[in-house]
């Protein structure tokens, strides 16, 4: 490109006129007035991640199963430059995570994290609780022709402020007892008369409820399973009949049921058993079929893990809820466990033990809150 400049006189001042000729039609134009008319392009501003939210803040998985849970992330702001995350588990011995897919490894609780890769250090977290298998390995004869396997722990029902859900205690020695405030909220002493709790929480002592029209109202739906502090036996329905309510396994589903009184009697009469303390909790130990080793007086958690691996059953002495005063009697000394067999309009059969004394085929007022331990039938060979 060639340039020529010639002065022009105008009003006593010189102005310079620029004339330019192009030597090539593909050449770049150059402005002789300087680079200020063509500034360098600006460098884009990087937008950092400010928050990461996971699709769930807590989940439960069962150890040894094929069950997995997939977590997804929501990254803010929407225009973050780098929205990718790195997944990690604080203890891979409990649960692992790959691209948000969480897999259970062993029983325990662990935190899963999704950490922003842009260097901001922002994290999203989910607490994962890995539970032992719901069904214990030991097999127990409950008649001359029938065997059962027990759930891993006593039955529990948890209220979240809106609805109830069912589960089993994590360990065989776990029970809520008379705690009004537990790690999950209120305990058995906070059961209301309409099948709710005064606040969110978990209970494990249930009244025995038969046929009932009173408790068929949707708002009182869970009171039909004994989640009530009513002192009026009429509110617990009439006993017996095909529509028996207090076989709690009908609520859990997948084959769970409550032992009949005859099955409880057979169980205690035909197995090695005894009063013992397990991990500091008093209760009754029962050996499975084929195991006759004497029951020791005490087991720590490590020793009991060996016993449990061999199939032994432990029934903690969780006491009984006297609904007339909504208090607990005999926590740590008395074990009261319901059968699915009614006795009359006000009573039902249970088993009761304390300090080595055992009462089978016992009768208790159905409004009392007692422990429930479910079983599944072992298929006939």
Protein backbone atom coordinates (compact mmCIF):
# COMPACT_ATOMS: atom_id res chain seq x y z
CA UNK A 1 0.00 0.00 0.00
CA UNK A 2 1.38 3.40 -1.04
CA UNK A 3 0.61 6.64 0.72
CA UNK A 4 1.01 10.25 -0.43
CA UNK A 5 0.40 13.33 1.66
CA UNK A 6 -0.05 16.83 0.41
CA UNK A 7 -0.65 19.96 2.48
CA UNK A 8 -3.81 22.05 1.96
CA UNK A 9 -3.98 25.60 3.23
CA UNK A 10 -7.33 26.46 4.75
CA UNK A 11 -8.01 29.50 6.96
CA UNK A 12 -4.34 29.92 7.84
CA UNK A 13 -4.04 26.34 9.06
CA UNK A 14 -2.65 23.25 7.43
CA UNK A 15 -4.79 20.17 7.11
CA UNK A 16 -3.37 16.97 5.89
CA UNK A 17 -5.37 14.97 3.48
CA UNK A 18 -4.57 11.35 3.16
CA UNK A 19 -4.76 9.63 -0.07
CA UNK A 20 -4.25 5.91 -0.20
CA UNK A 21 -3.87 3.50 -3.01
CA UNK A 22 -4.17 -0.26 -2.72
CA UNK A 23 -1.44 -2.39 -4.21
CA UNK A 24 -3.45 -5.56 -3.61
CA UNK A 25 -7.17 -6.12 -3.22
CA UNK A 26 -6.43 -8.76 -0.54
CA UNK A 27 -4.15 -6.56 1.55
CA UNK A 28 -5.06 -5.34 5.05
CA UNK A 29 -6.05 -1.74 5.53
CA UNK A 30 -3.91 0.21 7.87
CA UNK A 31 -5.07 3.34 9.64
CA UNK A 32 -2.22 5.74 10.06
CA UNK A 33 -4.05 7.45 12.92
CA UNK A 34 -2.93 4.66 15.25
CA UNK A 35 -4.08 1.50 17.06
CA UNK A 36 -6.63 3.40 19.20
CA UNK A 37 -9.16 3.01 16.42
CA UNK A 38 -8.62 -0.80 16.35
CA UNK A 39 -8.26 -1.98 20.03
CA UNK A 40 -7.18 -5.56 20.80
CA UNK A 41 -10.12 -7.98 21.50
CA UNK A 42 -11.10 -8.31 25.20
CA UNK A 43 -10.32 -11.54 27.09
CA UNK A 44 -13.60 -13.26 28.16
CA UNK A 45 -14.33 -13.10 31.93
CA UNK A 46 -14.43 -16.48 33.74
CA UNK A 47 -17.61 -17.14 35.78
CA UNK A 48 -17.00 -19.27 38.89
CA UNK A 49 -19.35 -21.89 40.36
CA UNK A 50 -21.19 -20.57 43.43
CA UNK A 51 -23.22 -23.62 44.50
CA UNK A 52 -23.77 -27.30 43.77
CA UNK A 53 -26.99 -29.04 44.76
CA UNK A 54 -27.41 -32.81 44.56
CA UNK A 55 -30.71 -34.43 43.62
CA UNK A 56 -30.93 -35.96 47.12
CA UNK A 57 -29.36 -34.90 50.40
CA UNK A 58 -29.59 -38.39 51.96
CA UNK A 59 -30.24 -41.91 50.68
CA UNK A 60 -30.36 -45.46 52.04
CA UNK A 61 -28.88 -48.53 50.36
CA UNK A 62 -28.72 -52.17 51.42
CA UNK A 63 -25.38 -53.92 51.77
CA UNK A 64 -24.71 -56.86 49.52
CA UNK A 65 -27.54 -56.09 47.12
CA UNK A 66 -27.50 -54.96 43.52
CA UNK A 67 -29.29 -51.76 44.43
CA UNK A 68 -27.65 -48.51 43.36
CA UNK A 69 -28.74 -44.90 43.48
CA UNK A 70 -27.96 -42.23 40.88
CA UNK A 71 -27.33 -38.66 42.01
CA UNK A 72 -27.52 -35.70 39.66
CA UNK A 73 -26.15 -32.19 40.13
CA UNK A 74 -27.50 -28.69 39.67
CA UNK A 75 -24.72 -26.13 39.27
CA UNK A 76 -25.19 -22.40 39.80
CA UNK A 77 -24.98 -19.94 38.21
CA UNK A 78 -26.32 -21.11 34.88
CA UNK A 79 -23.55 -19.28 33.03
CA UNK A 80 -20.70 -20.79 35.05
CA UNK A 81 -17.69 -21.25 32.79
CA UNK A 82 -16.91 -24.81 33.90
CA UNK A 83 -19.89 -26.76 35.27
CA UNK A 84 -18.17 -30.14 35.49
CA UNK A 85 -17.73 -31.89 38.86
CA UNK A 86 -15.50 -34.53 40.42
CA UNK A 87 -17.27 -37.28 42.40
CA UNK A 88 -15.78 -38.74 45.59
CA UNK A 89 -16.68 -40.87 48.61
CA UNK A 90 -15.28 -40.10 52.05
CA UNK A 91 -15.05 -43.86 52.69
CA UNK A 92 -15.03 -46.21 49.71
CA UNK A 93 -15.20 -49.13 52.13
CA UNK A 94 -18.84 -48.15 52.82
CA UNK A 95 -19.98 -46.84 49.42
CA UNK A 96 -18.40 -45.93 46.09
CA UNK A 97 -19.50 -43.39 43.48
CA UNK A 98 -18.78 -43.21 39.75
CA UNK A 99 -20.35 -40.45 37.65
CA UNK A 100 -23.01 -40.00 40.30
CA UNK A 101 -23.92 -43.71 40.61
CA UNK A 102 -23.62 -44.74 44.29
CA UNK A 103 -23.03 -48.41 45.15
CA UNK A 104 -23.19 -49.91 48.67
CA UNK A 105 -20.15 -51.84 49.92
CA UNK A 106 -20.60 -52.40 53.69
CA UNK A 107 -22.80 -51.22 56.56
CA UNK A 108 -22.19 -47.68 57.79
CA UNK A 109 -22.72 -44.03 56.95
CA UNK A 110 -20.64 -42.03 54.47
CA UNK A 111 -20.75 -38.66 52.71
CA UNK A 112 -20.67 -38.54 48.91
CA UNK A 113 -19.37 -35.29 47.36
CA UNK A 114 -19.55 -33.57 44.00
CA UNK A 115 -16.77 -30.94 43.82
CA UNK A 116 -16.55 -28.21 41.19
CA UNK A 117 -13.59 -28.67 38.82
CA UNK A 118 -13.15 -24.93 38.23
CA UNK A 119 -11.00 -24.56 41.36
CA UNK A 120 -13.67 -22.72 43.35
CA UNK A 121 -13.79 -25.51 45.93
CA UNK A 122 -17.61 -25.54 45.93
CA UNK A 123 -19.14 -28.89 46.97
CA UNK A 124 -22.49 -30.63 46.96
CA UNK A 125 -23.01 -33.41 49.54
CA UNK A 126 -25.25 -36.42 50.09
CA UNK A 127 -25.24 -38.61 53.21
CA UNK A 128 -25.47 -42.30 52.34
CA UNK A 129 -26.61 -44.82 54.95
CA UNK A 130 -25.75 -48.40 54.02
CA UNK A 131 -27.86 -50.94 55.90
CA UNK A 132 -27.18 -54.63 56.54
CA UNK A 133 -29.40 -57.05 54.60
CA UNK A 134 -32.99 -56.94 55.88
CA UNK A 135 -33.10 -60.73 56.29
CA UNK A 136 -30.85 -62.57 58.75
CA UNK A 137 -29.05 -65.72 57.66
CA UNK A 138 -30.20 -68.02 60.49
CA UNK A 139 -33.13 -70.39 59.96
CA UNK A 140 -35.49 -71.19 62.82
CA UNK A 141 -38.12 -73.91 63.01
CA UNK A 142 -41.46 -72.60 64.27
CA UNK A 143 -43.41 -75.83 63.77
CA UNK A 144 -42.66 -79.40 62.79
CA UNK A 145 -42.91 -78.43 59.13
CA UNK A 146 -42.10 -74.71 58.89
CA UNK A 147 -38.92 -72.63 59.09
CA UNK A 148 -38.55 -68.85 59.15
CA UNK A 149 -35.82 -66.22 58.93
CA UNK A 150 -36.01 -63.08 61.07
CA UNK A 151 -35.62 -59.44 60.07
CA UNK A 152 -32.29 -57.88 61.01
CA UNK A 153 -33.88 -55.81 63.80
CA UNK A 154 -37.14 -54.77 65.43
CA UNK A 155 -39.79 -53.06 63.31
CA UNK A 156 -39.69 -49.26 63.21
CA UNK A 157 -42.04 -46.64 61.78
CA UNK A 158 -40.81 -43.11 60.98
CA UNK A 159 -43.03 -40.04 60.63
CA UNK A 160 -41.66 -37.13 58.57
CA UNK A 161 -44.41 -34.71 59.53
CA UNK A 162 -46.65 -35.80 56.65
CA UNK A 163 -46.50 -39.57 56.15
CA UNK A 164 -45.17 -42.78 57.72
CA UNK A 165 -42.54 -45.16 56.36
CA UNK A 166 -41.45 -48.58 57.63
CA UNK A 167 -38.00 -50.03 58.24
CA UNK A 168 -36.03 -52.31 60.56
CA UNK A 169 -33.53 -51.31 63.22
CA UNK A 170 -29.98 -51.34 61.85
CA UNK A 171 -28.67 -53.56 64.66
CA UNK A 172 -30.47 -56.30 66.56
CA UNK A 173 -29.84 -54.49 69.85
CA UNK A 174 -31.29 -51.14 68.71
CA UNK A 175 -34.52 -49.82 70.17
CA UNK A 176 -36.13 -46.39 70.69
CA UNK A 177 -37.48 -47.03 74.20
CA UNK A 178 -38.80 -44.01 76.06
CA UNK A 179 -36.69 -41.39 74.32
CA UNK A 180 -38.78 -38.32 73.64
CA UNK A 181 -35.99 -36.85 71.55
CA UNK A 182 -33.78 -39.13 69.44
CA UNK A 183 -31.44 -38.57 66.56
CA UNK A 184 -34.45 -38.72 64.25
CA UNK A 185 -36.81 -36.67 66.41
CA UNK A 186 -39.46 -37.86 68.84
CA UNK A 187 -39.77 -41.35 70.28
CA UNK A 188 -42.55 -43.64 71.52
CA UNK A 189 -43.78 -41.26 74.21
CA UNK A 190 -44.84 -38.70 71.60
CA UNK A 191 -47.43 -40.82 69.80
CA UNK A 192 -50.70 -38.94 69.37
CA UNK A 193 -54.18 -40.38 69.39
CA UNK A 194 -54.72 -39.97 65.65
CA UNK A 195 -51.81 -42.05 64.41
CA UNK A 196 -49.23 -39.28 64.24
CA UNK A 197 -46.38 -37.92 66.34
CA UNK A 198 -46.19 -34.53 67.99
CA UNK A 199 -43.15 -34.00 65.73
CA UNK A 200 -41.21 -35.96 63.15
CA UNK A 201 -39.53 -39.04 64.58
CA UNK A 202 -39.37 -42.84 64.90
CA UNK A 203 -41.34 -45.31 67.05
CA UNK A 204 -40.93 -49.04 67.63
CA UNK A 205 -43.63 -49.91 70.20
CA UNK A 206 -47.05 -50.62 68.70
CA UNK A 207 -50.52 -51.38 70.03
CA UNK A 208 -52.30 -54.48 68.70
CA UNK A 209 -55.23 -53.59 66.40
CA UNK A 210 -57.88 -55.95 65.00
CA UNK A 211 -60.76 -55.26 62.64
CA UNK A 212 -61.79 -51.65 62.95
CA UNK A 213 -64.13 -49.28 61.19
CA UNK A 214 -62.95 -46.41 63.38
CA UNK A 215 -59.43 -46.50 61.98
CA UNK A 216 -60.38 -46.81 58.32
CA UNK A 217 -60.51 -43.02 58.01
CA UNK A 218 -57.66 -41.89 55.75
CA UNK A 219 -56.42 -39.30 58.24
CA UNK A 220 -56.02 -42.03 60.86
CA UNK A 221 -54.70 -44.67 58.49
CA UNK A 222 -51.59 -45.60 60.44
CA UNK A 223 -53.35 -45.82 63.76
CA UNK A 224 -54.70 -49.15 62.50
CA UNK A 225 -51.19 -50.51 63.08
CA UNK A 226 -51.12 -49.52 66.72
CA UNK A 227 -49.56 -46.08 66.32
CA UNK A 228 -51.92 -44.46 68.81
CA UNK A 229 -52.01 -43.55 72.49
CA UNK A 230 -55.76 -44.07 72.83
CA UNK A 231 -56.82 -45.71 76.11
CA UNK A 232 -60.16 -46.82 74.68
CA UNK A 233 -60.04 -50.47 73.59
CA UNK A 234 -62.91 -49.78 71.20
CA UNK A 235 -60.52 -47.63 69.21
CA UNK A 236 -58.35 -50.69 68.61
CA UNK A 237 -61.10 -52.55 66.78
CA UNK A 238 -62.51 -56.00 67.31
CA UNK A 239 -60.06 -58.89 67.36
CA UNK A 240 -59.72 -61.80 64.96
CA UNK A 241 -61.20 -62.24 61.51
CA UNK A 242 -59.78 -62.38 58.02
CA UNK A 243 -58.91 -58.69 57.94
CA UNK A 244 -56.48 -58.89 60.82
CA UNK A 245 -54.63 -55.58 61.05
CA UNK A 246 -51.79 -56.47 63.39
CA UNK A 247 -49.89 -58.80 61.16
CA UNK A 248 -47.57 -55.85 60.48
CA UNK A 249 -45.87 -57.72 57.68
CA UNK A 250 -48.89 -56.98 55.51
CA UNK A 251 -47.76 -53.35 55.64
CA UNK A 252 -44.10 -54.06 54.88
CA UNK A 253 -44.97 -56.47 52.06
CA UNK A 254 -42.60 -58.83 50.20
CA UNK A 255 -43.49 -61.82 52.38
CA UNK A 256 -42.98 -60.35 55.85
CA UNK A 257 -45.32 -61.48 58.64
CA UNK A 258 -45.69 -61.73 62.43
CA UNK A 259 -45.32 -65.07 64.24
CA UNK A 260 -48.46 -66.62 65.69
CA UNK A 261 -48.54 -67.39 69.40
CA UNK A 262 -48.08 -71.13 68.69
CA UNK A 263 -45.01 -70.38 66.59
CA UNK A 264 -43.47 -68.28 69.39
CA UNK A 265 -44.06 -71.13 71.85
CA UNK A 266 -42.47 -73.66 69.48
CA UNK A 267 -39.49 -71.37 68.86
CA UNK A 268 -38.65 -71.00 72.55
CA UNK A 269 -39.27 -74.68 73.31
CA UNK A 270 -37.07 -76.11 70.55
CA UNK A 271 -33.98 -73.91 70.42
CA UNK A 272 -31.01 -73.16 72.64
CA UNK A 273 -31.67 -69.77 74.23
CA UNK A 274 -30.88 -67.54 77.21
CA UNK A 275 -30.84 -64.05 78.74
CA UNK A 276 -27.76 -62.04 77.78
CA UNK A 277 -26.31 -58.56 77.36
CA UNK A 278 -25.34 -57.66 73.79
CA UNK A 279 -23.35 -54.46 73.22
CA UNK A 280 -24.58 -53.25 76.61
CA UNK A 281 -28.28 -54.03 75.95
CA UNK A 282 -30.20 -56.68 77.87
CA UNK A 283 -32.34 -59.15 75.99
CA UNK A 284 -32.89 -62.73 74.88
CA UNK A 285 -30.59 -64.75 72.58
CA UNK A 286 -31.95 -67.66 70.54
CA UNK A 287 -29.78 -70.04 68.52
CA UNK A 288 -30.82 -71.08 64.98
CA UNK A 289 -31.57 -74.63 63.91
CA UNK A 290 -28.59 -76.94 64.35
CA UNK A 291 -26.67 -74.65 66.76
CA UNK A 292 -26.60 -75.76 70.40
CA UNK A 293 -23.72 -73.68 71.77
CA UNK A 294 -24.64 -72.31 75.18
CA UNK A 295 -25.53 -68.63 75.37
CA UNK A 296 -22.95 -66.49 77.19
CA UNK A 297 -23.99 -63.84 79.69
CA UNK A 298 -22.46 -60.96 77.72
CA UNK A 299 -21.19 -60.08 74.24
CA UNK A 300 -19.46 -56.96 73.02
CA UNK A 301 -20.12 -55.74 69.47
CA UNK A 302 -17.19 -57.71 68.02
CA UNK A 303 -18.13 -60.97 69.73
CA UNK A 304 -21.75 -60.56 68.73
CA UNK A 305 -20.79 -60.02 65.09
CA UNK A 306 -19.44 -63.59 65.12
CA UNK A 307 -22.62 -64.90 66.74
CA UNK A 308 -24.77 -63.02 64.26
CA UNK A 309 -22.77 -64.37 61.33
CA UNK A 310 -23.73 -67.80 62.65
CA UNK A 311 -27.40 -66.83 62.51
CA UNK A 312 -28.18 -66.14 66.17
CA UNK A 313 -31.23 -64.04 67.04
CA UNK A 314 -31.29 -61.28 69.67
CA UNK A 315 -34.50 -59.72 71.01
CA UNK A 316 -33.71 -56.52 72.97
CA UNK A 317 -35.67 -55.80 76.15
CA UNK A 318 -37.35 -52.63 74.84
CA UNK A 319 -40.06 -52.46 77.52
CA UNK A 320 -43.73 -51.65 76.97
CA UNK A 321 -45.57 -48.38 76.40
CA UNK A 322 -48.39 -47.90 78.90
CA UNK A 323 -50.60 -45.73 76.78
CA UNK A 324 -52.74 -44.54 79.70
CA UNK A 325 -49.85 -42.37 80.81
CA UNK A 326 -47.71 -42.58 77.65
CA UNK A 327 -44.72 -43.79 79.65
CA UNK A 328 -42.38 -46.76 79.30
CA UNK A 329 -42.09 -49.64 81.76
CA UNK A 330 -39.19 -52.05 81.92
CA UNK A 331 -36.82 -50.54 79.36
CA UNK A 332 -33.66 -52.66 79.45
CA UNK A 333 -35.21 -55.24 81.77
CA UNK A 334 -38.46 -56.43 80.13
CA UNK A 335 -39.05 -57.66 76.60
CA UNK A 336 -42.63 -57.67 75.27
CA UNK A 337 -43.18 -59.00 71.72
CA UNK A 338 -46.53 -59.29 69.96
CA UNK A 339 -47.85 -62.35 68.16
CA UNK A 340 -50.44 -62.09 65.37
CA UNK A 341 -52.99 -64.02 67.46
CA UNK A 342 -55.84 -62.28 69.25
CA UNK A 343 -57.29 -63.51 72.55
CA UNK A 344 -60.57 -61.68 72.89
CA UNK A 345 -62.07 -58.28 72.19
CA UNK A 346 -59.56 -56.46 74.41
CA UNK A 347 -56.50 -58.74 74.57
CA UNK A 348 -53.93 -60.49 72.35
CA UNK A 349 -51.14 -63.03 72.86
CA UNK A 350 -47.53 -62.02 73.26
CA UNK A 351 -44.26 -63.38 74.64
CA UNK A 352 -42.58 -61.73 77.60
CA UNK A 353 -39.17 -62.21 79.20
CA UNK A 354 -37.06 -60.57 81.88
CA UNK A 355 -33.84 -61.60 83.65
CA UNK A 356 -34.10 -65.20 82.50
CA UNK A 357 -37.83 -65.60 83.14
CA UNK A 358 -39.88 -66.37 80.06
CA UNK A 359 -43.64 -66.17 79.62
CA UNK A 360 -44.95 -67.65 76.38
CA UNK A 361 -48.59 -67.69 75.30
CA UNK A 362 -49.08 -64.64 77.53
CA UNK A 363 -52.05 -62.26 77.22
CA UNK A 364 -51.76 -58.45 77.21
CA UNK A 365 -54.19 -55.58 76.81
CA UNK A 366 -54.01 -54.62 73.14
CA UNK A 367 -53.64 -50.90 73.73
CA UNK A 368 -50.17 -51.42 75.26
CA UNK A 369 -47.31 -50.59 72.91
CA UNK A 370 -44.94 -53.54 72.43
CA UNK A 371 -42.08 -54.64 70.15
CA UNK A 372 -42.63 -56.34 66.79
CA UNK A 373 -40.13 -58.64 65.07
CA UNK A 374 -41.07 -59.84 61.59
CA UNK A 375 -40.14 -63.05 59.78
CA UNK A 376 -40.21 -64.51 56.29
CA UNK A 377 -41.07 -68.14 55.60
CA UNK A 378 -38.29 -70.34 54.27
CA UNK A 379 -39.54 -72.08 51.10
CA UNK A 380 -40.07 -75.81 51.51
CA UNK A 381 -37.27 -77.85 49.90
